[in-house]
Amino acid sequence: MKLFLDDRRTAPRGEGYRSADNYAGFLALLDKYRDCLEEVSLDYDLGWDSLFTGFDALKYMKRHDMHPEHINVHSTHISGRDKMLTYANANFPDAVVTGWPNDY
C-alpha cells in the first residue's frame, strides 16, 4: 500500500495512494496497512496549528517497527526535509529513501 501525508497537496493521481491530511489520520492508515507498506510519501509541515510533523510520522514508524519499502520526503521545508532524510536513511536501512524533487 502507498500512503501519502500532506495538509495541502493531494496525492499523485493514478498512483494508488491512500492519503491523509493530518497526523492522526496518517497514523490510522499506518496502523491499518502496517503489514503491506510499499511506500510512504511525507511532507514535513502539517499546518500552522499542528503539533506534529512528517518527522513525527517517521519516528512513529520506527517505534512501532513499521518498515516501508520506499520512503519519499516531498517537503519543500529545507531543514525539515533534510532532517527527515537523515533520520530515514539512518533508521530504515532496507528502504529506498528519496527526497522529491531532487531524487524522485
N, C-alpha and C. Protein backbone atom coordinates (compact mmCIF):
# COMPACT_ATOMS: atom_id res chain seq x y z
N MET A 1 0.84 -1.17 0.00
CA MET A 1 0.00 0.00 0.00
C MET A 1 0.89 1.24 0.00
N LYS A 2 0.48 2.26 -0.72
CA LYS A 2 1.18 3.54 -0.76
C LYS A 2 0.39 4.55 0.06
N LEU A 3 1.09 5.23 0.97
CA LEU A 3 0.45 6.22 1.84
C LEU A 3 1.08 7.59 1.61
N PHE A 4 0.24 8.63 1.69
CA PHE A 4 0.65 10.00 1.40
C PHE A 4 0.18 10.90 2.52
N LEU A 5 1.09 11.70 3.09
CA LEU A 5 0.75 12.64 4.17
C LEU A 5 1.09 14.05 3.75
N ASP A 6 0.07 14.89 3.67
CA ASP A 6 0.27 16.30 3.34
C ASP A 6 -0.99 17.07 3.68
N ASP A 7 -0.85 18.22 4.31
CA ASP A 7 -2.02 19.02 4.68
C ASP A 7 -2.55 19.87 3.53
N ARG A 8 -1.76 20.08 2.47
CA ARG A 8 -2.20 20.94 1.37
C ARG A 8 -2.18 20.25 0.00
N ARG A 9 -1.20 19.45 -0.26
CA ARG A 9 -1.10 18.80 -1.56
C ARG A 9 -1.94 17.54 -1.59
N THR A 10 -2.35 17.16 -2.79
CA THR A 10 -3.06 15.90 -2.96
C THR A 10 -2.08 14.87 -3.50
N ALA A 11 -2.36 13.64 -3.23
CA ALA A 11 -1.51 12.54 -3.71
C ALA A 11 -1.53 12.51 -5.24
N PRO A 12 -0.43 12.06 -5.84
CA PRO A 12 -0.40 11.95 -7.30
C PRO A 12 -1.53 11.06 -7.82
N ARG A 13 -2.23 11.53 -8.81
CA ARG A 13 -3.35 10.78 -9.38
C ARG A 13 -2.86 9.54 -10.10
N GLY A 14 -3.65 8.50 -9.99
CA GLY A 14 -3.35 7.27 -10.70
C GLY A 14 -2.22 6.46 -10.13
N GLU A 15 -1.72 6.83 -8.99
CA GLU A 15 -0.59 6.13 -8.38
C GLU A 15 -1.01 5.16 -7.28
N GLY A 16 -2.29 5.16 -6.92
CA GLY A 16 -2.79 4.22 -5.94
C GLY A 16 -2.53 4.58 -4.49
N TYR A 17 -2.31 5.84 -4.19
CA TYR A 17 -2.07 6.27 -2.82
C TYR A 17 -3.35 6.34 -2.00
N ARG A 18 -3.23 6.03 -0.71
CA ARG A 18 -4.22 6.38 0.30
C ARG A 18 -3.63 7.61 0.98
N SER A 19 -4.42 8.62 1.21
CA SER A 19 -3.84 9.85 1.74
C SER A 19 -4.52 10.35 3.00
N ALA A 20 -3.75 11.11 3.76
CA ALA A 20 -4.24 11.77 4.97
C ALA A 20 -3.71 13.19 4.95
N ASP A 21 -4.50 14.11 5.50
CA ASP A 21 -4.06 15.50 5.55
C ASP A 21 -3.67 15.94 6.96
N ASN A 22 -3.60 14.98 7.88
CA ASN A 22 -3.17 15.30 9.24
C ASN A 22 -2.50 14.08 9.87
N TYR A 23 -1.81 14.33 10.95
CA TYR A 23 -1.03 13.30 11.63
C TYR A 23 -1.89 12.14 12.12
N ALA A 24 -2.99 12.45 12.79
CA ALA A 24 -3.85 11.39 13.34
C ALA A 24 -4.42 10.51 12.24
N GLY A 25 -4.84 11.11 11.15
CA GLY A 25 -5.36 10.34 10.03
C GLY A 25 -4.30 9.45 9.41
N PHE A 26 -3.07 9.96 9.35
CA PHE A 26 -1.97 9.17 8.80
C PHE A 26 -1.64 7.99 9.70
N LEU A 27 -1.65 8.20 11.01
CA LEU A 27 -1.39 7.08 11.93
C LEU A 27 -2.44 6.00 11.79
N ALA A 28 -3.67 6.39 11.57
CA ALA A 28 -4.74 5.40 11.35
C ALA A 28 -4.44 4.57 10.10
N LEU A 29 -3.97 5.22 9.04
CA LEU A 29 -3.61 4.48 7.82
C LEU A 29 -2.41 3.57 8.06
N LEU A 30 -1.41 4.08 8.78
CA LEU A 30 -0.24 3.25 9.09
C LEU A 30 -0.64 2.00 9.85
N ASP A 31 -1.47 2.17 10.84
CA ASP A 31 -1.89 1.02 11.65
C ASP A 31 -2.71 0.03 10.83
N LYS A 32 -3.53 0.54 9.93
CA LYS A 32 -4.37 -0.33 9.10
C LYS A 32 -3.54 -1.12 8.08
N TYR A 33 -2.53 -0.48 7.50
CA TYR A 33 -1.76 -1.11 6.42
C TYR A 33 -0.34 -1.46 6.83
N ARG A 34 -0.09 -1.57 8.11
CA ARG A 34 1.27 -1.77 8.61
C ARG A 34 1.99 -2.97 8.00
N ASP A 35 1.26 -4.00 7.62
CA ASP A 35 1.90 -5.22 7.10
C ASP A 35 2.11 -5.21 5.60
N CYS A 36 1.70 -4.14 4.94
CA CYS A 36 1.85 -4.10 3.48
C CYS A 36 2.25 -2.70 3.02
N LEU A 37 3.19 -2.08 3.73
CA LEU A 37 3.64 -0.73 3.39
C LEU A 37 4.65 -0.77 2.25
N GLU A 38 4.16 -0.42 1.10
CA GLU A 38 5.04 -0.35 -0.07
C GLU A 38 5.80 0.98 -0.08
N GLU A 39 5.08 2.08 0.13
CA GLU A 39 5.70 3.40 0.08
C GLU A 39 4.96 4.36 1.00
N VAL A 40 5.71 5.25 1.62
CA VAL A 40 5.12 6.40 2.32
C VAL A 40 5.77 7.65 1.73
N SER A 41 4.95 8.64 1.45
CA SER A 41 5.43 9.92 0.95
C SER A 41 4.98 10.99 1.94
N LEU A 42 5.94 11.73 2.49
CA LEU A 42 5.67 12.59 3.64
C LEU A 42 6.05 14.04 3.40
N ASP A 43 5.19 14.93 3.86
CA ASP A 43 5.51 16.35 3.96
C ASP A 43 6.03 16.60 5.37
N TYR A 44 6.79 17.66 5.56
CA TYR A 44 7.26 17.99 6.90
C TYR A 44 6.20 18.80 7.64
N ASP A 45 5.84 19.96 7.11
CA ASP A 45 4.84 20.83 7.74
C ASP A 45 3.44 20.27 7.53
N LEU A 46 2.68 20.21 8.59
CA LEU A 46 1.31 19.69 8.51
C LEU A 46 0.28 20.74 8.93
N GLY A 47 0.59 21.99 8.71
CA GLY A 47 -0.33 23.07 9.03
C GLY A 47 0.16 23.88 10.21
N TRP A 48 -0.16 25.13 10.22
CA TRP A 48 0.33 26.04 11.26
C TRP A 48 -0.18 25.67 12.65
N ASP A 49 -1.31 24.98 12.72
CA ASP A 49 -1.88 24.63 14.03
C ASP A 49 -1.58 23.20 14.46
N SER A 50 -0.78 22.49 13.68
CA SER A 50 -0.47 21.10 14.01
C SER A 50 0.69 21.02 15.00
N LEU A 51 0.56 20.14 15.97
CA LEU A 51 1.63 19.90 16.92
C LEU A 51 2.64 18.88 16.39
N PHE A 52 2.32 18.28 15.25
CA PHE A 52 3.14 17.20 14.70
C PHE A 52 3.62 17.54 13.30
N THR A 53 4.66 16.83 12.88
CA THR A 53 5.23 16.99 11.54
C THR A 53 5.39 15.61 10.90
N GLY A 54 5.82 15.63 9.66
CA GLY A 54 6.14 14.38 9.00
C GLY A 54 7.28 13.65 9.69
N PHE A 55 8.16 14.39 10.34
CA PHE A 55 9.25 13.78 11.11
C PHE A 55 8.67 12.92 12.24
N ASP A 56 7.61 13.41 12.87
CA ASP A 56 6.95 12.62 13.92
C ASP A 56 6.39 11.32 13.35
N ALA A 57 5.91 11.36 12.12
CA ALA A 57 5.40 10.15 11.48
C ALA A 57 6.52 9.13 11.28
N LEU A 58 7.69 9.60 10.87
CA LEU A 58 8.84 8.70 10.73
C LEU A 58 9.21 8.06 12.07
N LYS A 59 9.24 8.87 13.12
CA LYS A 59 9.58 8.34 14.45
C LYS A 59 8.52 7.33 14.91
N TYR A 60 7.26 7.57 14.60
CA TYR A 60 6.18 6.63 14.94
C TYR A 60 6.42 5.29 14.24
N MET A 61 6.76 5.35 12.95
CA MET A 61 7.03 4.11 12.21
C MET A 61 8.20 3.34 12.82
N LYS A 62 9.24 4.04 13.21
CA LYS A 62 10.39 3.39 13.83
C LYS A 62 10.01 2.75 15.16
N ARG A 63 9.31 3.51 16.02
CA ARG A 63 8.90 3.00 17.34
C ARG A 63 8.00 1.78 17.23
N HIS A 64 7.19 1.72 16.18
CA HIS A 64 6.22 0.64 16.03
C HIS A 64 6.67 -0.42 15.02
N ASP A 65 7.96 -0.41 14.71
CA ASP A 65 8.57 -1.44 13.87
C ASP A 65 7.87 -1.59 12.52
N MET A 66 7.60 -0.47 11.88
CA MET A 66 7.00 -0.46 10.55
C MET A 66 8.10 -0.16 9.54
N HIS A 67 8.16 -0.95 8.49
CA HIS A 67 9.26 -0.84 7.53
C HIS A 67 8.76 -0.76 6.10
N PRO A 68 8.45 0.46 5.64
CA PRO A 68 8.05 0.59 4.24
C PRO A 68 9.23 0.29 3.32
N GLU A 69 8.89 -0.16 2.12
CA GLU A 69 9.93 -0.44 1.14
C GLU A 69 10.57 0.85 0.61
N HIS A 70 9.76 1.90 0.54
CA HIS A 70 10.21 3.17 -0.02
C HIS A 70 9.70 4.31 0.86
N ILE A 71 10.58 5.23 1.21
CA ILE A 71 10.21 6.43 1.95
C ILE A 71 10.57 7.62 1.08
N ASN A 72 9.57 8.43 0.76
CA ASN A 72 9.81 9.65 -0.01
C ASN A 72 9.45 10.85 0.85
N VAL A 73 10.33 11.83 0.87
CA VAL A 73 10.06 13.08 1.57
C VAL A 73 9.84 14.14 0.50
N HIS A 74 8.59 14.59 0.39
CA HIS A 74 8.25 15.54 -0.67
C HIS A 74 8.09 16.97 -0.16
N SER A 75 8.69 17.28 0.96
CA SER A 75 8.56 18.59 1.59
C SER A 75 9.45 19.63 0.93
N THR A 76 8.97 20.87 0.91
CA THR A 76 9.79 22.00 0.45
C THR A 76 10.42 22.73 1.64
N HIS A 77 10.14 22.29 2.85
CA HIS A 77 10.76 22.86 4.06
C HIS A 77 12.17 22.28 4.14
N ILE A 78 13.15 23.08 3.75
CA ILE A 78 14.50 22.56 3.53
C ILE A 78 15.10 21.89 4.77
N SER A 79 15.08 22.56 5.91
CA SER A 79 15.71 21.95 7.09
C SER A 79 14.91 20.75 7.58
N GLY A 80 13.58 20.81 7.51
CA GLY A 80 12.74 19.67 7.90
C GLY A 80 12.96 18.49 6.97
N ARG A 81 13.04 18.79 5.68
CA ARG A 81 13.28 17.75 4.68
C ARG A 81 14.62 17.05 4.94
N ASP A 82 15.67 17.84 5.17
CA ASP A 82 17.00 17.27 5.42
C ASP A 82 17.00 16.42 6.69
N LYS A 83 16.34 16.89 7.73
CA LYS A 83 16.24 16.16 8.99
C LYS A 83 15.53 14.81 8.77
N MET A 84 14.45 14.83 8.00
CA MET A 84 13.71 13.60 7.73
C MET A 84 14.52 12.62 6.89
N LEU A 85 15.21 13.13 5.88
CA LEU A 85 16.02 12.24 5.04
C LEU A 85 17.15 11.61 5.83
N THR A 86 17.80 12.39 6.68
CA THR A 86 18.88 11.86 7.52
C THR A 86 18.34 10.77 8.44
N TYR A 87 17.21 11.04 9.09
CA TYR A 87 16.61 10.07 10.00
C TYR A 87 16.19 8.80 9.26
N ALA A 88 15.56 8.96 8.10
CA ALA A 88 15.09 7.80 7.34
C ALA A 88 16.26 6.93 6.89
N ASN A 89 17.31 7.56 6.41
CA ASN A 89 18.48 6.79 5.97
C ASN A 89 19.14 6.05 7.13
N ALA A 90 19.16 6.65 8.31
CA ALA A 90 19.80 6.03 9.47
C ALA A 90 18.95 4.94 10.11
N ASN A 91 17.63 5.07 10.03
CA ASN A 91 16.75 4.18 10.78
C ASN A 91 15.97 3.17 9.94
N PHE A 92 16.01 3.32 8.63
CA PHE A 92 15.32 2.39 7.75
C PHE A 92 16.30 1.93 6.66
N PRO A 93 17.32 1.17 7.07
CA PRO A 93 18.39 0.82 6.14
C PRO A 93 17.96 -0.03 4.95
N ASP A 94 16.85 -0.73 5.06
CA ASP A 94 16.40 -1.57 3.95
C ASP A 94 15.46 -0.84 3.00
N ALA A 95 15.10 0.39 3.32
CA ALA A 95 14.18 1.17 2.49
C ALA A 95 14.94 1.99 1.46
N VAL A 96 14.30 2.18 0.32
CA VAL A 96 14.78 3.18 -0.63
C VAL A 96 14.30 4.52 -0.10
N VAL A 97 15.21 5.46 0.07
CA VAL A 97 14.85 6.78 0.60
C VAL A 97 15.11 7.83 -0.47
N THR A 98 14.06 8.58 -0.81
CA THR A 98 14.19 9.62 -1.82
C THR A 98 13.64 10.92 -1.27
N GLY A 99 14.07 12.01 -1.87
CA GLY A 99 13.60 13.31 -1.47
C GLY A 99 13.22 14.14 -2.67
N TRP A 100 11.95 14.15 -2.95
CA TRP A 100 11.44 14.94 -4.06
C TRP A 100 11.64 16.40 -3.74
N PRO A 101 11.99 17.25 -4.67
CA PRO A 101 12.05 16.96 -6.09
C PRO A 101 13.40 16.46 -6.59
N ASN A 102 14.42 16.44 -5.75
CA ASN A 102 15.76 16.11 -6.24
C ASN A 102 15.96 14.65 -6.63
N ASP A 103 15.40 13.73 -5.88
CA ASP A 103 15.69 12.31 -6.10
C ASP A 103 14.53 11.53 -6.69
N TYR A 104 13.42 12.16 -6.90
CA TYR A 104 12.21 11.40 -7.25
C TYR A 104 11.91 11.49 -8.71
